All heavy atoms as atom14 arrays in JSON, in Angstrom:
{
  "sequence": "QVQLVESGGGSVQPGGSLRLSCAASGTIFNIYAMAWYRQAPGK",
  "atom14_mask": [
    [1, 1, 1, 1, 1, 1, 1, 1, 1, 0, 0, 0, 0, 0],
    [1, 1, 1, 1, 1, 1, 1, 0, 0, 0, 0, 0, 0, 0],
    [1, 1, 1, 1, 1, 1, 1, 1, 1, 0, 0, 0, 0, 0],
    [1, 1, 1, 1, 1, 1, 1, 1, 0, 0, 0, 0, 0, 0],
    [1, 1, 1, 1, 1, 1, 1, 0, 0, 0, 0, 0, 0, 0],
    [1, 1, 1, 1, 1, 1, 1, 1, 1, 0, 0, 0, 0, 0],
    [1, 1, 1, 1, 1, 1, 0, 0, 0, 0, 0, 0, 0, 0],
    [1, 1, 1, 1, 0, 0, 0, 0, 0, 0, 0, 0, 0, 0],
    [1, 1, 1, 1, 0, 0, 0, 0, 0, 0, 0, 0, 0, 0],
    [1, 1, 1, 1, 0, 0, 0, 0, 0, 0, 0, 0, 0, 0],
    [1, 1, 1, 1, 1, 1, 0, 0, 0, 0, 0, 0, 0, 0],
    [1, 1, 1, 1, 1, 1, 1, 0, 0, 0, 0, 0, 0, 0],
    [1, 1, 1, 1, 1, 1, 1, 1, 1, 0, 0, 0, 0, 0],
    [1, 1, 1, 1, 1, 1, 1, 0, 0, 0, 0, 0, 0, 0],
    [1, 1, 1, 1, 0, 0, 0, 0, 0, 0, 0, 0, 0, 0],
    [1, 1, 1, 1, 0, 0, 0, 0, 0, 0, 0, 0, 0, 0],
    [1, 1, 1, 1, 1, 1, 0, 0, 0, 0, 0, 0, 0, 0],
    [1, 1, 1, 1, 1, 1, 1, 1, 0, 0, 0, 0, 0, 0],
    [1, 1, 1, 1, 1, 1, 1, 1, 1, 1, 1, 0, 0, 0],
    [1, 1, 1, 1, 1, 1, 1, 1, 0, 0, 0, 0, 0, 0],
    [1, 1, 1, 1, 1, 1, 0, 0, 0, 0, 0, 0, 0, 0],
    [1, 1, 1, 1, 1, 1, 0, 0, 0, 0, 0, 0, 0, 0],
    [1, 1, 1, 1, 1, 0, 0, 0, 0, 0, 0, 0, 0, 0],
    [1, 1, 1, 1, 1, 0, 0, 0, 0, 0, 0, 0, 0, 0],
    [1, 1, 1, 1, 1, 1, 0, 0, 0, 0, 0, 0, 0, 0],
    [1, 1, 1, 1, 0, 0, 0, 0, 0, 0, 0, 0, 0, 0],
    [1, 1, 1, 1, 1, 1, 1, 0, 0, 0, 0, 0, 0, 0],
    [1, 1, 1, 1, 1, 1, 1, 1, 0, 0, 0, 0, 0, 0],
    [1, 1, 1, 1, 1, 1, 1, 1, 1, 1, 1, 0, 0, 0],
    [1, 1, 1, 1, 1, 1, 1, 1, 0, 0, 0, 0, 0, 0],
    [1, 1, 1, 1, 1, 1, 1, 1, 0, 0, 0, 0, 0, 0],
    [1, 1, 1, 1, 1, 1, 1, 1, 1, 1, 1, 1, 0, 0],
    [1, 1, 1, 1, 1, 0, 0, 0, 0, 0, 0, 0, 0, 0],
    [1, 1, 1, 1, 1, 1, 1, 1, 0, 0, 0, 0, 0, 0],
    [1, 1, 1, 1, 1, 0, 0, 0, 0, 0, 0, 0, 0, 0],
    [1, 1, 1, 1, 1, 1, 1, 1, 1, 1, 1, 1, 1, 1],
    [1, 1, 1, 1, 1, 1, 1, 1, 1, 1, 1, 1, 0, 0],
    [1, 1, 1, 1, 1, 1, 1, 1, 1, 1, 1, 0, 0, 0],
    [1, 1, 1, 1, 1, 1, 1, 1, 1, 0, 0, 0, 0, 0],
    [1, 1, 1, 1, 1, 0, 0, 0, 0, 0, 0, 0, 0, 0],
    [1, 1, 1, 1, 1, 1, 1, 0, 0, 0, 0, 0, 0, 0],
    [1, 1, 1, 1, 0, 0, 0, 0, 0, 0, 0, 0, 0, 0],
    [1, 1, 1, 1, 1, 1, 1, 1, 1, 0, 0, 0, 0, 0]
  ],
  "atom14_positions": [
    [[119.59, 121.7, 104.81], [118.18, 121.36, 104.69], [118.02, 119.85, 104.88], [118.55, 119.07, 104.12], [117.65, 121.76, 103.31], [116.18, 121.49, 103.1], [115.3, 122.56, 103.74], [115.81, 123.56, 104.2], [114.02, 122.31, 103.79], [0.0, 0.0, 0.0], [0.0, 0.0, 0.0], [0.0, 0.0, 0.0], [0.0, 0.0, 0.0], [0.0, 0.0, 0.0]],
    [[117.29, 119.48, 105.92], [117.06, 118.07, 106.2], [115.95, 117.55, 105.3], [114.91, 118.18, 105.16], [116.68, 117.87, 107.67], [116.4, 116.39, 107.94], [117.78, 118.38, 108.58], [0.0, 0.0, 0.0], [0.0, 0.0, 0.0], [0.0, 0.0, 0.0], [0.0, 0.0, 0.0], [0.0, 0.0, 0.0], [0.0, 0.0, 0.0], [0.0, 0.0, 0.0]],
    [[116.2, 116.4, 104.7], [115.15, 115.74, 103.91], [114.92, 114.34, 104.45], [115.87, 113.59, 104.72], [115.57, 115.64, 102.45], [115.31, 116.9, 101.64], [115.37, 116.64, 100.15], [116.27, 115.98, 99.66], [114.41, 117.17, 99.42], [0.0, 0.0, 0.0], [0.0, 0.0, 0.0], [0.0, 0.0, 0.0], [0.0, 0.0, 0.0], [0.0, 0.0, 0.0]],
    [[113.66, 113.99, 104.6], [113.25, 112.68, 105.09], [112.32, 112.06, 104.07], [111.31, 112.66, 103.7], [112.55, 112.8, 106.44], [113.37, 113.46, 107.56], [112.48, 113.84, 108.73], [114.47, 112.52, 108.02], [0.0, 0.0, 0.0], [0.0, 0.0, 0.0], [0.0, 0.0, 0.0], [0.0, 0.0, 0.0], [0.0, 0.0, 0.0], [0.0, 0.0, 0.0]],
    [[112.66, 110.86, 103.61], [111.86, 110.19, 102.58], [111.46, 108.82, 103.09], [112.3, 107.93, 103.25], [112.63, 110.08, 101.26], [111.76, 109.38, 100.21], [113.06, 111.45, 100.76], [0.0, 0.0, 0.0], [0.0, 0.0, 0.0], [0.0, 0.0, 0.0], [0.0, 0.0, 0.0], [0.0, 0.0, 0.0], [0.0, 0.0, 0.0], [0.0, 0.0, 0.0]],
    [[110.16, 108.66, 103.33], [109.62, 107.39, 103.82], [109.19, 106.5, 102.66], [108.74, 107.01, 101.62], [108.41, 107.65, 104.73], [108.69, 108.52, 105.94], [108.44, 110.01, 105.7], [108.3, 110.41, 104.52], [108.4, 110.77, 106.68], [0.0, 0.0, 0.0], [0.0, 0.0, 0.0], [0.0, 0.0, 0.0], [0.0, 0.0, 0.0], [0.0, 0.0, 0.0]],
    [[109.3, 105.2, 102.85], [108.87, 104.24, 101.84], [108.52, 102.92, 102.51], [108.82, 102.72, 103.69], [109.97, 104.04, 100.79], [111.13, 103.5, 101.39], [0.0, 0.0, 0.0], [0.0, 0.0, 0.0], [0.0, 0.0, 0.0], [0.0, 0.0, 0.0], [0.0, 0.0, 0.0], [0.0, 0.0, 0.0], [0.0, 0.0, 0.0], [0.0, 0.0, 0.0]],
    [[107.9, 102.03, 101.74], [107.64, 100.69, 102.23], [106.21, 100.42, 102.62], [105.86, 99.29, 102.99], [0.0, 0.0, 0.0], [0.0, 0.0, 0.0], [0.0, 0.0, 0.0], [0.0, 0.0, 0.0], [0.0, 0.0, 0.0], [0.0, 0.0, 0.0], [0.0, 0.0, 0.0], [0.0, 0.0, 0.0], [0.0, 0.0, 0.0], [0.0, 0.0, 0.0]],
    [[105.35, 101.43, 102.57], [103.96, 101.22, 102.93], [103.23, 100.39, 101.89], [103.79, 100.04, 100.84], [0.0, 0.0, 0.0], [0.0, 0.0, 0.0], [0.0, 0.0, 0.0], [0.0, 0.0, 0.0], [0.0, 0.0, 0.0], [0.0, 0.0, 0.0], [0.0, 0.0, 0.0], [0.0, 0.0, 0.0], [0.0, 0.0, 0.0], [0.0, 0.0, 0.0]],
    [[101.99, 100.07, 102.19], [101.18, 99.29, 101.26], [99.9, 98.84, 101.92], [99.55, 99.28, 103.01], [0.0, 0.0, 0.0], [0.0, 0.0, 0.0], [0.0, 0.0, 0.0], [0.0, 0.0, 0.0], [0.0, 0.0, 0.0], [0.0, 0.0, 0.0], [0.0, 0.0, 0.0], [0.0, 0.0, 0.0], [0.0, 0.0, 0.0], [0.0, 0.0, 0.0]],
    [[99.22, 97.94, 101.23], [97.97, 97.38, 101.73], [98.19, 95.92, 102.1], [98.71, 95.15, 101.28], [96.88, 97.48, 100.66], [96.56, 98.82, 100.39], [0.0, 0.0, 0.0], [0.0, 0.0, 0.0], [0.0, 0.0, 0.0], [0.0, 0.0, 0.0], [0.0, 0.0, 0.0], [0.0, 0.0, 0.0], [0.0, 0.0, 0.0], [0.0, 0.0, 0.0]],
    [[97.82, 95.56, 103.32], [97.97, 94.19, 103.78], [96.72, 93.76, 104.53], [95.94, 94.61, 104.99], [99.2, 94.02, 104.7], [100.47, 94.32, 103.94], [99.09, 94.9, 105.93], [0.0, 0.0, 0.0], [0.0, 0.0, 0.0], [0.0, 0.0, 0.0], [0.0, 0.0, 0.0], [0.0, 0.0, 0.0], [0.0, 0.0, 0.0], [0.0, 0.0, 0.0]],
    [[96.58, 92.46, 104.68], [95.48, 91.92, 105.48], [95.87, 91.91, 106.95], [97.06, 91.92, 107.29], [95.16, 90.51, 105.02], [94.58, 90.46, 103.61], [94.12, 89.06, 103.23], [94.56, 88.06, 103.8], [93.21, 88.98, 102.27], [0.0, 0.0, 0.0], [0.0, 0.0, 0.0], [0.0, 0.0, 0.0], [0.0, 0.0, 0.0], [0.0, 0.0, 0.0]],
    [[94.89, 91.89, 107.83], [95.21, 91.77, 109.26], [96.1, 90.57, 109.51], [95.91, 89.49, 108.92], [93.83, 91.58, 109.9], [92.9, 92.29, 108.97], [93.45, 92.03, 107.59], [0.0, 0.0, 0.0], [0.0, 0.0, 0.0], [0.0, 0.0, 0.0], [0.0, 0.0, 0.0], [0.0, 0.0, 0.0], [0.0, 0.0, 0.0], [0.0, 0.0, 0.0]],
    [[97.1, 90.76, 110.36], [98.07, 89.72, 110.64], [99.3, 89.77, 109.76], [100.28, 89.06, 110.0], [0.0, 0.0, 0.0], [0.0, 0.0, 0.0], [0.0, 0.0, 0.0], [0.0, 0.0, 0.0], [0.0, 0.0, 0.0], [0.0, 0.0, 0.0], [0.0, 0.0, 0.0], [0.0, 0.0, 0.0], [0.0, 0.0, 0.0], [0.0, 0.0, 0.0]],
    [[99.26, 90.62, 108.73], [100.38, 90.73, 107.81], [101.52, 91.58, 108.37], [101.45, 92.1, 109.49], [0.0, 0.0, 0.0], [0.0, 0.0, 0.0], [0.0, 0.0, 0.0], [0.0, 0.0, 0.0], [0.0, 0.0, 0.0], [0.0, 0.0, 0.0], [0.0, 0.0, 0.0], [0.0, 0.0, 0.0], [0.0, 0.0, 0.0], [0.0, 0.0, 0.0]],
    [[102.55, 91.72, 107.56], [103.75, 92.46, 107.96], [104.17, 93.44, 106.88], [103.92, 93.21, 105.69], [104.91, 91.5, 108.22], [104.63, 90.62, 109.28], [0.0, 0.0, 0.0], [0.0, 0.0, 0.0], [0.0, 0.0, 0.0], [0.0, 0.0, 0.0], [0.0, 0.0, 0.0], [0.0, 0.0, 0.0], [0.0, 0.0, 0.0], [0.0, 0.0, 0.0]],
    [[104.81, 94.5, 107.31], [105.43, 95.48, 106.41], [106.69, 96.0, 107.07], [106.79, 96.03, 108.3], [104.49, 96.66, 106.13], [103.31, 96.44, 105.19], [102.41, 97.67, 105.22], [103.78, 96.15, 103.78], [0.0, 0.0, 0.0], [0.0, 0.0, 0.0], [0.0, 0.0, 0.0], [0.0, 0.0, 0.0], [0.0, 0.0, 0.0], [0.0, 0.0, 0.0]],
    [[107.63, 96.42, 106.24], [108.84, 97.07, 106.75], [108.97, 98.44, 106.12], [109.11, 98.56, 104.9], [110.08, 96.24, 106.43], [111.34, 96.74, 107.13], [112.58, 96.11, 106.57], [113.75, 96.33, 107.41], [115.01, 96.33, 106.97], [115.24, 96.11, 105.69], [116.01, 96.53, 107.8], [0.0, 0.0, 0.0], [0.0, 0.0, 0.0], [0.0, 0.0, 0.0]],
    [[108.91, 99.46, 106.94], [109.04, 100.83, 106.47], [110.5, 101.27, 106.56], [111.23, 100.84, 107.46], [108.18, 101.77, 107.31], [106.7, 101.42, 107.44], [105.98, 102.51, 108.23], [106.06, 101.19, 106.1], [0.0, 0.0, 0.0], [0.0, 0.0, 0.0], [0.0, 0.0, 0.0], [0.0, 0.0, 0.0], [0.0, 0.0, 0.0], [0.0, 0.0, 0.0]],
    [[110.88, 102.13, 105.63], [112.23, 102.71, 105.63], [112.11, 104.23, 105.57], [111.16, 104.77, 105.01], [113.04, 102.22, 104.44], [113.23, 100.83, 104.48], [0.0, 0.0, 0.0], [0.0, 0.0, 0.0], [0.0, 0.0, 0.0], [0.0, 0.0, 0.0], [0.0, 0.0, 0.0], [0.0, 0.0, 0.0], [0.0, 0.0, 0.0], [0.0, 0.0, 0.0]],
    [[113.11, 104.9, 106.12], [113.17, 106.35, 106.09], [114.61, 106.75, 105.8], [115.5, 106.51, 106.62], [112.72, 106.93, 107.42], [113.07, 108.69, 107.62], [0.0, 0.0, 0.0], [0.0, 0.0, 0.0], [0.0, 0.0, 0.0], [0.0, 0.0, 0.0], [0.0, 0.0, 0.0], [0.0, 0.0, 0.0], [0.0, 0.0, 0.0], [0.0, 0.0, 0.0]],
    [[114.82, 107.33, 104.63], [116.15, 107.78, 104.24], [116.3, 109.25, 104.6], [115.46, 110.08, 104.22], [116.35, 107.57, 102.75], [0.0, 0.0, 0.0], [0.0, 0.0, 0.0], [0.0, 0.0, 0.0], [0.0, 0.0, 0.0], [0.0, 0.0, 0.0], [0.0, 0.0, 0.0], [0.0, 0.0, 0.0], [0.0, 0.0, 0.0], [0.0, 0.0, 0.0]],
    [[117.36, 109.57, 105.33], [117.6, 110.94, 105.76], [118.8, 111.52, 105.03], [119.78, 110.81, 104.78], [117.85, 110.99, 107.26], [0.0, 0.0, 0.0], [0.0, 0.0, 0.0], [0.0, 0.0, 0.0], [0.0, 0.0, 0.0], [0.0, 0.0, 0.0], [0.0, 0.0, 0.0], [0.0, 0.0, 0.0], [0.0, 0.0, 0.0], [0.0, 0.0, 0.0]],
    [[118.71, 112.78, 104.69], [119.84, 113.48, 104.07], [119.91, 114.89, 104.63], [118.94, 115.4, 105.19], [119.7, 113.51, 102.55], [118.53, 114.21, 102.17], [0.0, 0.0, 0.0], [0.0, 0.0, 0.0], [0.0, 0.0, 0.0], [0.0, 0.0, 0.0], [0.0, 0.0, 0.0], [0.0, 0.0, 0.0], [0.0, 0.0, 0.0], [0.0, 0.0, 0.0]],
    [[121.09, 115.49, 104.51], [121.24, 116.86, 104.96], [121.32, 117.02, 106.46], [121.09, 118.1, 106.98], [0.0, 0.0, 0.0], [0.0, 0.0, 0.0], [0.0, 0.0, 0.0], [0.0, 0.0, 0.0], [0.0, 0.0, 0.0], [0.0, 0.0, 0.0], [0.0, 0.0, 0.0], [0.0, 0.0, 0.0], [0.0, 0.0, 0.0], [0.0, 0.0, 0.0]],
    [[121.62, 115.94, 107.17], [121.7, 116.03, 108.62], [122.74, 115.05, 109.13], [123.06, 114.07, 108.46], [120.34, 115.72, 109.27], [120.46, 115.91, 110.69], [119.92, 114.28, 109.02], [0.0, 0.0, 0.0], [0.0, 0.0, 0.0], [0.0, 0.0, 0.0], [0.0, 0.0, 0.0], [0.0, 0.0, 0.0], [0.0, 0.0, 0.0], [0.0, 0.0, 0.0]],
    [[123.26, 115.34, 110.31], [124.16, 114.4, 110.96], [123.28, 113.39, 111.66], [122.95, 113.52, 112.83], [125.1, 115.12, 111.94], [125.81, 116.27, 111.22], [126.11, 114.13, 112.51], [126.62, 117.15, 112.16], [0.0, 0.0, 0.0], [0.0, 0.0, 0.0], [0.0, 0.0, 0.0], [0.0, 0.0, 0.0], [0.0, 0.0, 0.0], [0.0, 0.0, 0.0]],
    [[122.89, 112.36, 110.94], [121.83, 111.44, 111.36], [122.15, 110.79, 112.69], [121.28, 110.67, 113.56], [121.66, 110.4, 110.26], [120.64, 109.34, 110.55], [119.29, 109.58, 110.33], [121.01, 108.08, 111.01], [118.35, 108.61, 110.58], [120.07, 107.1, 111.26], [118.73, 107.36, 111.04], [0.0, 0.0, 0.0], [0.0, 0.0, 0.0], [0.0, 0.0, 0.0]],
    [[123.39, 110.37, 112.88], [123.69, 109.47, 113.99], [123.64, 110.13, 115.36], [123.61, 109.44, 116.37], [125.04, 108.79, 113.79], [126.17, 109.79, 113.69], [126.08, 110.74, 112.95], [127.23, 109.57, 114.44], [0.0, 0.0, 0.0], [0.0, 0.0, 0.0], [0.0, 0.0, 0.0], [0.0, 0.0, 0.0], [0.0, 0.0, 0.0], [0.0, 0.0, 0.0]],
    [[123.59, 111.46, 115.42], [123.58, 112.11, 116.72], [122.18, 112.33, 117.26], [122.02, 112.7, 118.43], [124.34, 113.45, 116.7], [123.58, 114.5, 115.87], [125.76, 113.26, 116.21], [124.19, 115.88, 115.97], [0.0, 0.0, 0.0], [0.0, 0.0, 0.0], [0.0, 0.0, 0.0], [0.0, 0.0, 0.0], [0.0, 0.0, 0.0], [0.0, 0.0, 0.0]],
    [[121.17, 112.11, 116.43], [119.8, 112.4, 116.84], [119.03, 111.14, 117.22], [119.16, 110.1, 116.57], [119.04, 113.1, 115.72], [119.5, 114.51, 115.47], [120.31, 114.81, 114.38], [119.13, 115.54, 116.33], [120.74, 116.11, 114.14], [119.55, 116.83, 116.1], [120.36, 117.11, 115.01], [120.78, 118.39, 114.8], [0.0, 0.0, 0.0], [0.0, 0.0, 0.0]],
    [[118.19, 111.27, 118.23], [117.16, 110.26, 118.44], [116.15, 110.42, 117.31], [115.8, 111.54, 116.95], [116.49, 110.45, 119.79], [0.0, 0.0, 0.0], [0.0, 0.0, 0.0], [0.0, 0.0, 0.0], [0.0, 0.0, 0.0], [0.0, 0.0, 0.0], [0.0, 0.0, 0.0], [0.0, 0.0, 0.0], [0.0, 0.0, 0.0], [0.0, 0.0, 0.0]],
    [[115.7, 109.32, 116.77], [114.76, 109.33, 115.65], [113.48, 108.6, 116.04], [113.46, 107.79, 116.99], [115.37, 108.65, 114.43], [116.59, 109.36, 113.86], [116.2, 110.99, 113.18], [115.14, 110.56, 111.8], [0.0, 0.0, 0.0], [0.0, 0.0, 0.0], [0.0, 0.0, 0.0], [0.0, 0.0, 0.0], [0.0, 0.0, 0.0], [0.0, 0.0, 0.0]],
    [[112.41, 108.88, 115.31], [111.12, 108.32, 115.69], [110.24, 108.08, 114.47], [110.44, 108.7, 113.41], [110.4, 109.26, 116.66], [0.0, 0.0, 0.0], [0.0, 0.0, 0.0], [0.0, 0.0, 0.0], [0.0, 0.0, 0.0], [0.0, 0.0, 0.0], [0.0, 0.0, 0.0], [0.0, 0.0, 0.0], [0.0, 0.0, 0.0], [0.0, 0.0, 0.0]],
    [[109.3, 107.2, 114.65], [108.21, 107.0, 113.7], [106.93, 107.55, 114.33], [106.66, 107.3, 115.52], [108.02, 105.53, 113.37], [109.06, 105.0, 112.44], [110.18, 104.3, 112.76], [109.06, 105.13, 111.0], [110.88, 103.99, 111.62], [110.22, 104.48, 110.52], [108.2, 105.71, 110.07], [110.54, 104.41, 109.18], [108.51, 105.64, 108.74], [109.67, 105.0, 108.29]],
    [[106.17, 108.24, 113.51], [104.89, 108.79, 113.91], [103.84, 108.29, 112.91], [104.18, 107.86, 111.81], [104.91, 110.32, 113.88], [105.98, 110.95, 114.73], [107.29, 111.07, 114.27], [105.69, 111.45, 115.99], [108.28, 111.66, 115.05], [106.67, 112.04, 116.78], [107.96, 112.14, 116.29], [108.94, 112.71, 117.07], [0.0, 0.0, 0.0], [0.0, 0.0, 0.0]],
    [[102.58, 108.38, 113.26], [101.53, 108.04, 112.31], [100.32, 108.95, 112.52], [100.1, 109.46, 113.63], [101.13, 106.57, 112.43], [100.43, 106.2, 113.72], [100.2, 104.69, 113.78], [99.53, 104.28, 115.01], [99.34, 103.01, 115.37], [99.77, 102.02, 114.58], [98.71, 102.73, 116.49], [0.0, 0.0, 0.0], [0.0, 0.0, 0.0], [0.0, 0.0, 0.0]],
    [[99.58, 109.12, 111.45], [98.37, 109.93, 111.51], [97.26, 109.22, 110.76], [97.36, 109.01, 109.54], [98.61, 111.32, 110.93], [97.44, 112.26, 111.13], [97.81, 113.7, 110.85], [98.79, 114.0, 110.17], [97.01, 114.63, 111.38], [0.0, 0.0, 0.0], [0.0, 0.0, 0.0], [0.0, 0.0, 0.0], [0.0, 0.0, 0.0], [0.0, 0.0, 0.0]],
    [[96.25, 108.85, 111.48], [95.07, 108.22, 110.88], [94.08, 109.32, 110.48], [94.12, 110.42, 111.04], [94.43, 107.26, 111.88], [0.0, 0.0, 0.0], [0.0, 0.0, 0.0], [0.0, 0.0, 0.0], [0.0, 0.0, 0.0], [0.0, 0.0, 0.0], [0.0, 0.0, 0.0], [0.0, 0.0, 0.0], [0.0, 0.0, 0.0], [0.0, 0.0, 0.0]],
    [[93.18, 109.01, 109.54], [92.21, 110.01, 109.1], [91.4, 110.57, 110.27], [90.87, 109.8, 111.09], [91.32, 109.23, 108.13], [92.18, 108.15, 107.62], [93.07, 107.76, 108.76], [0.0, 0.0, 0.0], [0.0, 0.0, 0.0], [0.0, 0.0, 0.0], [0.0, 0.0, 0.0], [0.0, 0.0, 0.0], [0.0, 0.0, 0.0], [0.0, 0.0, 0.0]],
    [[91.34, 111.89, 110.37], [90.56, 112.53, 111.4], [91.18, 112.52, 112.78], [90.55, 112.94, 113.76], [0.0, 0.0, 0.0], [0.0, 0.0, 0.0], [0.0, 0.0, 0.0], [0.0, 0.0, 0.0], [0.0, 0.0, 0.0], [0.0, 0.0, 0.0], [0.0, 0.0, 0.0], [0.0, 0.0, 0.0], [0.0, 0.0, 0.0], [0.0, 0.0, 0.0]],
    [[92.42, 112.04, 112.87], [93.09, 111.97, 114.17], [94.39, 112.76, 114.15], [94.93, 113.07, 113.09], [93.37, 110.52, 114.55], [92.14, 109.68, 114.78], [92.5, 108.32, 115.34], [91.25, 107.51, 115.65], [91.59, 106.18, 116.22], [0.0, 0.0, 0.0], [0.0, 0.0, 0.0], [0.0, 0.0, 0.0], [0.0, 0.0, 0.0], [0.0, 0.0, 0.0]]
  ]
}
């Protein structure tokens, strides 16, 4: 069973920075291409 746990989000002002992390377990992580996705409200 693959588990993906994202962290690092928050509230920032325009021009600011954030670093997101995603910890994976239950999978051979290094053999897969990985990606970040996003979903805005209503989209």
